[in-house]
Amino acid sequence: MKKYLIYLGICALYFTVVQGNAQDRNLQQVIEKGKSDLLEVLAQTGDQFNFDIDAEAVRGSRPAMPISYREMDFEQLLNAEGRIEATLKPESKKVVPLVTNNQVVTTLSVTAKDQGAYEISELINHQYQDELNMLPEEIRQGDFRELTIIYVPNLNTIVYTAGDRSYTTYKGSSVREGIETTALLEVLKTDAVAFQEKYGELLKQGKLVN
């Protein structure tokens, strides 16, 4: 019986590794396809549209580590205590910086489909590009490995977290200067409570668009 359980455990581990490798391959293929599609768009549009992106810079770029993008659960934020992770919904997409010499040329966004497959959901986002380039050098040199992008609904702001530090433009803050994540969470919670007291009923009635 013990040998049988060990065998099942090995089989489960093997399946997990194989499945994970397949997902990684699919993700990389989708990223490369997204880069190719972006270059095609830039070539076809030419001077008709100003995307403010250098096609040759995109061509020479490489994908950095995909960054997990998660939305904050507003109800959880209203009662937040301690760690910001407890307020977050599951990952909704990955943001992939295309970089050259630690500078973000542009970003792609990919979302998961069924059975671990991915698809491109966004080719260009200047906000991510600009703000990722403002983050501390050690985060950029680390290929954004420890970074998470968080969207806070109703307060309509983006937060970049790495370790115990967060970076945001919320309320006049600078993405260049980090703040303790626990301290930022308290600010967000206070403002969320004020928002809820002022607009909570309108939200329930569906009369307020975020």
C-alpha atoms as a PDB file:
ATOM      1  CA  MET A   1       0.000   0.000   0.000  1.00  0.00           C
ATOM      2  CA  LYS A   2       2.828   2.354   0.897  1.00  0.00           C
ATOM      3  CA  LYS A   3       4.600   1.697  -2.442  1.00  0.00           C
ATOM      4  CA  TYR A   4       1.302   2.308  -4.257  1.00  0.00           C
ATOM      5  CA  LEU A   5       0.869   5.688  -2.552  1.00  0.00           C
ATOM      6  CA  ILE A   6       4.451   6.633  -3.392  1.00  0.00           C
ATOM      7  CA  TYR A   7       3.802   5.667  -7.029  1.00  0.00           C
ATOM      8  CA  LEU A   8       0.665   7.849  -7.110  1.00  0.00           C
ATOM      9  CA  GLY A   9       2.619  10.727  -5.620  1.00  0.00           C
ATOM     10  CA  ILE A  10       5.343  10.423  -8.263  1.00  0.00           C
ATOM     11  CA  CYS A  11       2.725  10.277 -11.039  1.00  0.00           C
ATOM     12  CA  ALA A  12       0.988  13.385  -9.680  1.00  0.00           C
ATOM     13  CA  LEU A  13       4.302  15.251  -9.463  1.00  0.00           C
ATOM     14  CA  TYR A  14       5.222  14.220 -13.017  1.00  0.00           C
ATOM     15  CA  PHE A  15       1.828  15.393 -14.321  1.00  0.00           C
ATOM     16  CA  THR A  16       2.180  18.739 -12.518  1.00  0.00           C
ATOM     17  CA  VAL A  17       5.673  19.328 -13.964  1.00  0.00           C
ATOM     18  CA  VAL A  18       4.619  18.352 -17.498  1.00  0.00           C
ATOM     19  CA  GLN A  19       1.484  20.489 -17.295  1.00  0.00           C
ATOM     20  CA  GLY A  20       3.470  23.424 -15.921  1.00  0.00           C
ATOM     21  CA  ASN A  21       6.072  23.135 -18.693  1.00  0.00           C
ATOM     22  CA  ALA A  22       3.317  23.032 -21.324  1.00  0.00           C
ATOM     23  CA  GLN A  23       1.727  26.169 -19.868  1.00  0.00           C
ATOM     24  CA  ASP A  24       5.100  27.949 -19.835  1.00  0.00           C
ATOM     25  CA  ARG A  25       5.714  27.009 -23.486  1.00  0.00           C
ATOM     26  CA  ASN A  26       2.257  28.233 -24.453  1.00  0.00           C
ATOM     27  CA  LEU A  27       2.797  31.493 -22.586  1.00  0.00           C
ATOM     28  CA  GLN A  28       6.127  32.124 -24.301  1.00  0.00           C
ATOM     29  CA  GLN A  29       4.628  31.348 -27.700  1.00  0.00           C
ATOM     30  CA  VAL A  30       1.746  33.765 -27.094  1.00  0.00           C
ATOM     31  CA  ILE A  31       4.173  36.485 -25.988  1.00  0.00           C
ATOM     32  CA  GLU A  32       6.269  36.050 -29.132  1.00  0.00           C
ATOM     33  CA  LYS A  33       3.090  36.101 -31.237  1.00  0.00           C
ATOM     34  CA  GLY A  34       1.984  39.292 -29.485  1.00  0.00           C
ATOM     35  CA  LYS A  35       5.334  40.935 -30.201  1.00  0.00           C
ATOM     36  CA  SER A  36       5.070  39.873 -33.844  1.00  0.00           C
ATOM     37  CA  ASP A  37       1.500  41.203 -34.065  1.00  0.00           C
ATOM     38  CA  LEU A  38       2.567  44.533 -32.580  1.00  0.00           C
ATOM     39  CA  LEU A  39       5.376  44.893 -35.113  1.00  0.00           C
ATOM     40  CA  GLU A  40       2.892  44.140 -37.894  1.00  0.00           C
ATOM     41  CA  VAL A  41       0.480  46.792 -36.591  1.00  0.00           C
ATOM     42  CA  LEU A  42       3.279  49.365 -36.415  1.00  0.00           C
ATOM     43  CA  ALA A  43       4.405  48.494 -39.949  1.00  0.00           C
ATOM     44  CA  GLN A  44       0.915  48.631 -41.443  1.00  0.00           C
ATOM     45  CA  THR A  45      -0.175  51.866 -39.794  1.00  0.00           C
ATOM     46  CA  GLY A  46       3.066  53.694 -40.529  1.00  0.00           C
ATOM     47  CA  ASP A  47       2.542  57.421 -40.036  1.00  0.00           C
ATOM     48  CA  GLN A  48      -1.248  57.147 -39.909  1.00  0.00           C
ATOM     49  CA  PHE A  49      -1.266  56.735 -36.127  1.00  0.00           C
ATOM     50  CA  ASN A  50       1.246  57.907 -33.559  1.00  0.00           C
ATOM     51  CA  PHE A  51       1.591  55.091 -31.039  1.00  0.00           C
ATOM     52  CA  ASP A  52       4.731  56.755 -29.652  1.00  0.00           C
ATOM     53  CA  ILE A  53       6.591  53.440 -29.920  1.00  0.00           C
ATOM     54  CA  ASP A  54       9.788  52.791 -31.874  1.00  0.00           C
ATOM     55  CA  ALA A  55       9.288  49.683 -34.007  1.00  0.00           C
ATOM     56  CA  GLU A  56      13.032  48.945 -34.075  1.00  0.00           C
ATOM     57  CA  ALA A  57      13.164  49.181 -30.278  1.00  0.00           C
ATOM     58  CA  VAL A  58      10.309  46.672 -30.090  1.00  0.00           C
ATOM     59  CA  ARG A  59      12.087  44.392 -32.572  1.00  0.00           C
ATOM     60  CA  GLY A  60      15.283  44.405 -30.521  1.00  0.00           C
ATOM     61  CA  SER A  61      13.526  43.960 -27.164  1.00  0.00           C
ATOM     62  CA  ARG A  62      13.126  40.830 -25.078  1.00  0.00           C
ATOM     63  CA  PRO A  63      10.253  39.855 -22.784  1.00  0.00           C
ATOM     64  CA  ALA A  64      10.938  40.330 -19.081  1.00  0.00           C
ATOM     65  CA  MET A  65       9.271  38.171 -16.453  1.00  0.00           C
ATOM     66  CA  PRO A  66       5.459  38.327 -16.750  1.00  0.00           C
ATOM     67  CA  ILE A  67       4.019  40.431 -13.924  1.00  0.00           C
ATOM     68  CA  SER A  68       0.916  39.198 -12.149  1.00  0.00           C
ATOM     69  CA  TYR A  69      -1.990  41.665 -12.395  1.00  0.00           C
ATOM     70  CA  ARG A  70      -4.616  41.386  -9.671  1.00  0.00           C
ATOM     71  CA  GLU A  71      -7.643  43.436  -8.724  1.00  0.00           C
ATOM     72  CA  MET A  72      -8.306  44.338  -5.129  1.00  0.00           C
ATOM     73  CA  ASP A  73     -11.573  43.129  -3.625  1.00  0.00           C
ATOM     74  CA  PHE A  74     -13.204  46.348  -2.435  1.00  0.00           C
ATOM     75  CA  GLU A  75     -15.228  44.603   0.272  1.00  0.00           C
ATOM     76  CA  GLN A  76     -12.062  43.021   1.633  1.00  0.00           C
ATOM     77  CA  LEU A  77     -10.315  46.394   1.545  1.00  0.00           C
ATOM     78  CA  LEU A  78     -13.041  47.919   3.728  1.00  0.00           C
ATOM     79  CA  ASN A  79     -12.114  45.422   6.461  1.00  0.00           C
ATOM     80  CA  ALA A  80      -8.423  45.031   5.693  1.00  0.00           C
ATOM     81  CA  GLU A  81      -6.133  44.015   8.513  1.00  0.00           C
ATOM     82  CA  GLY A  82      -2.426  43.402   8.006  1.00  0.00           C
ATOM     83  CA  ARG A  83      -1.329  41.920   4.684  1.00  0.00           C
ATOM     84  CA  ILE A  84      -2.401  43.336   1.330  1.00  0.00           C
ATOM     85  CA  GLU A  85      -2.468  39.833  -0.174  1.00  0.00           C
ATOM     86  CA  ALA A  86      -5.626  39.056   1.809  1.00  0.00           C
ATOM     87  CA  THR A  87      -7.515  41.759  -0.116  1.00  0.00           C
ATOM     88  CA  LEU A  88      -6.640  40.525  -3.612  1.00  0.00           C
ATOM     89  CA  LYS A  89      -8.722  38.588  -6.097  1.00  0.00           C
ATOM     90  CA  PRO A  90      -7.083  35.831  -8.198  1.00  0.00           C
ATOM     91  CA  GLU A  91      -4.809  36.908 -11.021  1.00  0.00           C
ATOM     92  CA  SER A  92      -6.791  38.266 -13.965  1.00  0.00           C
ATOM     93  CA  LYS A  93      -3.924  38.714 -16.436  1.00  0.00           C
ATOM     94  CA  LYS A  94      -0.171  38.952 -16.808  1.00  0.00           C
ATOM     95  CA  VAL A  95       1.591  42.111 -17.928  1.00  0.00           C
ATOM     96  CA  VAL A  96       4.729  41.377 -19.942  1.00  0.00           C
ATOM     97  CA  PRO A  97       7.286  44.186 -20.289  1.00  0.00           C
ATOM     98  CA  LEU A  98       9.333  44.187 -23.494  1.00  0.00           C
ATOM     99  CA  VAL A  99      12.702  45.541 -22.405  1.00  0.00           C
ATOM    100  CA  THR A 100      16.040  46.723 -23.724  1.00  0.00           C
ATOM    101  CA  ASN A 101      18.849  47.546 -21.278  1.00  0.00           C
ATOM    102  CA  ASN A 102      16.409  47.555 -18.316  1.00  0.00           C
ATOM    103  CA  GLN A 103      14.157  50.052 -20.084  1.00  0.00           C
ATOM    104  CA  VAL A 104      10.572  49.074 -20.912  1.00  0.00           C
ATOM    105  CA  VAL A 105       9.851  49.699 -24.595  1.00  0.00           C
ATOM    106  CA  THR A 106       6.192  48.714 -24.266  1.00  0.00           C
ATOM    107  CA  THR A 107       4.067  46.050 -22.591  1.00  0.00           C
ATOM    108  CA  LEU A 108       1.827  43.196 -23.681  1.00  0.00           C
ATOM    109  CA  SER A 109      -0.985  41.774 -21.583  1.00  0.00           C
ATOM    110  CA  VAL A 110      -2.004  38.117 -21.697  1.00  0.00           C
ATOM    111  CA  THR A 111      -4.989  36.396 -20.110  1.00  0.00           C
ATOM    112  CA  ALA A 112      -5.487  32.725 -19.314  1.00  0.00           C
ATOM    113  CA  LYS A 113      -8.068  30.692 -21.192  1.00  0.00           C
ATOM    114  CA  ASP A 114      -9.237  27.145 -20.542  1.00  0.00           C
ATOM    115  CA  GLN A 115      -6.729  24.372 -19.834  1.00  0.00           C
ATOM    116  CA  GLY A 116      -3.820  26.686 -19.171  1.00  0.00           C
ATOM    117  CA  ALA A 117      -3.753  28.328 -22.597  1.00  0.00           C
ATOM    118  CA  TYR A 118      -3.152  32.058 -22.956  1.00  0.00           C
ATOM    119  CA  GLU A 119      -4.173  34.789 -25.370  1.00  0.00           C
ATOM    120  CA  ILE A 120      -3.095  38.382 -25.966  1.00  0.00           C
ATOM    121  CA  SER A 121      -5.566  40.861 -24.472  1.00  0.00           C
ATOM    122  CA  GLU A 122      -3.639  44.129 -24.917  1.00  0.00           C
ATOM    123  CA  LEU A 123      -0.729  45.204 -27.104  1.00  0.00           C
ATOM    124  CA  ILE A 124       0.097  48.679 -25.784  1.00  0.00           C
ATOM    125  CA  ASN A 125      -0.326  50.365 -22.405  1.00  0.00           C
ATOM    126  CA  HIS A 126       1.617  53.590 -21.972  1.00  0.00           C
ATOM    127  CA  GLN A 127       0.782  53.873 -18.277  1.00  0.00           C
ATOM    128  CA  TYR A 128       2.469  50.560 -17.480  1.00  0.00           C
ATOM    129  CA  GLN A 129       5.398  51.458 -19.737  1.00  0.00           C
ATOM    130  CA  ASP A 130       5.975  54.852 -18.132  1.00  0.00           C
ATOM    131  CA  GLU A 131       5.493  53.762 -14.530  1.00  0.00           C
ATOM    132  CA  LEU A 132       7.517  50.550 -14.792  1.00  0.00           C
ATOM    133  CA  ASN A 133      10.405  52.668 -16.071  1.00  0.00           C
ATOM    134  CA  MET A 134      10.122  54.882 -12.986  1.00  0.00           C
ATOM    135  CA  LEU A 135      10.478  52.013 -10.521  1.00  0.00           C
ATOM    136  CA  PRO A 136      13.766  51.657  -8.591  1.00  0.00           C
ATOM    137  CA  GLU A 137      16.669  50.306 -10.591  1.00  0.00           C
ATOM    138  CA  GLU A 138      16.981  47.144  -8.509  1.00  0.00           C
ATOM    139  CA  ILE A 139      13.424  46.124  -9.471  1.00  0.00           C
ATOM    140  CA  ARG A 140      14.132  46.694 -13.157  1.00  0.00           C
ATOM    141  CA  GLN A 141      17.499  44.932 -12.949  1.00  0.00           C
ATOM    142  CA  GLY A 142      15.724  42.026 -11.270  1.00  0.00           C
ATOM    143  CA  ASP A 143      13.520  41.685 -14.360  1.00  0.00           C
ATOM    144  CA  PHE A 144      10.413  42.602 -12.306  1.00  0.00           C
ATOM    145  CA  ARG A 145      10.472  39.119 -10.709  1.00  0.00           C
ATOM    146  CA  GLU A 146       9.088  40.195  -7.324  1.00  0.00           C
ATOM    147  CA  LEU A 147       6.547  42.677  -8.688  1.00  0.00           C
ATOM    148  CA  THR A 148       2.751  42.538  -8.611  1.00  0.00           C
ATOM    149  CA  ILE A 149       0.447  45.093 -10.248  1.00  0.00           C
ATOM    150  CA  ILE A 150      -2.718  45.804  -8.282  1.00  0.00           C
ATOM    151  CA  TYR A 151      -5.755  47.738  -9.447  1.00  0.00           C
ATOM    152  CA  VAL A 152      -7.878  49.303  -6.710  1.00  0.00           C
ATOM    153  CA  PRO A 153     -11.504  49.711  -7.889  1.00  0.00           C
ATOM    154  CA  ASN A 154     -13.583  52.743  -6.899  1.00  0.00           C
ATOM    155  CA  LEU A 155     -10.381  54.517  -5.834  1.00  0.00           C
ATOM    156  CA  ASN A 156      -9.301  53.949  -9.445  1.00  0.00           C
ATOM    157  CA  THR A 157      -5.574  53.615  -8.877  1.00  0.00           C
ATOM    158  CA  ILE A 158      -2.713  51.281  -9.728  1.00  0.00           C
ATOM    159  CA  VAL A 159      -0.255  50.011  -7.109  1.00  0.00           C
ATOM    160  CA  TYR A 160       3.018  48.216  -7.826  1.00  0.00           C
ATOM    161  CA  THR A 161       4.162  46.024  -4.944  1.00  0.00           C
ATOM    162  CA  ALA A 162       7.520  44.348  -4.423  1.00  0.00           C
ATOM    163  CA  GLY A 163       8.276  42.725  -1.098  1.00  0.00           C
ATOM    164  CA  ASP A 164       7.123  45.038   1.690  1.00  0.00           C
ATOM    165  CA  ARG A 165       7.257  48.174  -0.487  1.00  0.00           C
ATOM    166  CA  SER A 166       4.631  49.668  -2.783  1.00  0.00           C
ATOM    167  CA  TYR A 167       4.847  52.284  -5.520  1.00  0.00           C
ATOM    168  CA  THR A 168       1.936  54.384  -6.748  1.00  0.00           C
ATOM    169  CA  THR A 169       0.865  57.815  -7.983  1.00  0.00           C
ATOM    170  CA  TYR A 170      -2.135  57.739  -5.633  1.00  0.00           C
ATOM    171  CA  LYS A 171      -2.850  61.094  -3.963  1.00  0.00           C
ATOM    172  CA  GLY A 172       0.212  62.732  -5.460  1.00  0.00           C
ATOM    173  CA  SER A 173       2.713  60.022  -4.525  1.00  0.00           C
ATOM    174  CA  SER A 174       5.576  59.176  -6.874  1.00  0.00           C
ATOM    175  CA  VAL A 175       6.226  55.768  -8.377  1.00  0.00           C
ATOM    176  CA  ARG A 176       9.931  56.532  -7.951  1.00  0.00           C
ATOM    177  CA  GLU A 177       9.619  56.530  -4.166  1.00  0.00           C
ATOM    178  CA  GLY A 178       8.309  53.494  -2.323  1.00  0.00           C
ATOM    179  CA  ILE A 179       6.082  53.396   0.714  1.00  0.00           C
ATOM    180  CA  GLU A 180       5.618  50.647   3.282  1.00  0.00           C
ATOM    181  CA  THR A 181       2.825  48.462   1.925  1.00  0.00           C
ATOM    182  CA  THR A 182       1.130  48.252   5.318  1.00  0.00           C
ATOM    183  CA  ALA A 183       1.077  52.054   5.551  1.00  0.00           C
ATOM    184  CA  LEU A 184      -0.365  52.380   2.032  1.00  0.00           C
ATOM    185  CA  LEU A 185      -3.008  49.783   2.831  1.00  0.00           C
ATOM    186  CA  GLU A 186      -4.190  51.886   5.775  1.00  0.00           C
ATOM    187  CA  VAL A 187      -4.498  54.937   3.498  1.00  0.00           C
ATOM    188  CA  LEU A 188      -6.438  52.944   0.914  1.00  0.00           C
ATOM    189  CA  LYS A 189      -8.695  51.465   3.598  1.00  0.00           C
ATOM    190  CA  THR A 190      -9.479  54.884   5.082  1.00  0.00           C
ATOM    191  CA  ASP A 191     -10.360  56.284   1.661  1.00  0.00           C
ATOM    192  CA  ALA A 192     -12.351  53.166   0.766  1.00  0.00           C
ATOM    193  CA  VAL A 193     -14.474  53.541   3.902  1.00  0.00           C
ATOM    194  CA  ALA A 194     -15.082  57.219   3.072  1.00  0.00           C
ATOM    195  CA  PHE A 195     -16.006  56.269  -0.497  1.00  0.00           C
ATOM    196  CA  GLN A 196     -18.387  53.585   0.713  1.00  0.00           C
ATOM    197  CA  GLU A 197     -20.122  55.969   3.112  1.00  0.00           C
ATOM    198  CA  LYS A 198     -20.600  58.531   0.339  1.00  0.00           C
ATOM    199  CA  TYR A 199     -21.390  56.323  -2.660  1.00  0.00           C
ATOM    200  CA  GLY A 200     -22.273  52.908  -1.242  1.00  0.00           C
ATOM    201  CA  GLU A 201     -26.006  53.161  -1.948  1.00  0.00           C
ATOM    202  CA  LEU A 202     -25.424  54.374  -5.489  1.00  0.00           C
ATOM    203  CA  LEU A 203     -23.119  51.402  -6.060  1.00  0.00           C
ATOM    204  CA  LYS A 204     -25.794  48.999  -4.863  1.00  0.00           C
ATOM    205  CA  GLN A 205     -28.290  50.566  -7.266  1.00  0.00           C
ATOM    206  CA  GLY A 206     -25.848  50.373 -10.141  1.00  0.00           C
ATOM    207  CA  LYS A 207     -25.979  54.130 -10.650  1.00  0.00           C
ATOM    208  CA  LEU A 208     -22.272  54.738 -10.206  1.00  0.00           C
ATOM    209  CA  VAL A 209     -19.767  53.803 -12.899  1.00  0.00           C
ATOM    210  CA  ASN A 210     -16.221  53.222 -11.698  1.00  0.00           C
END
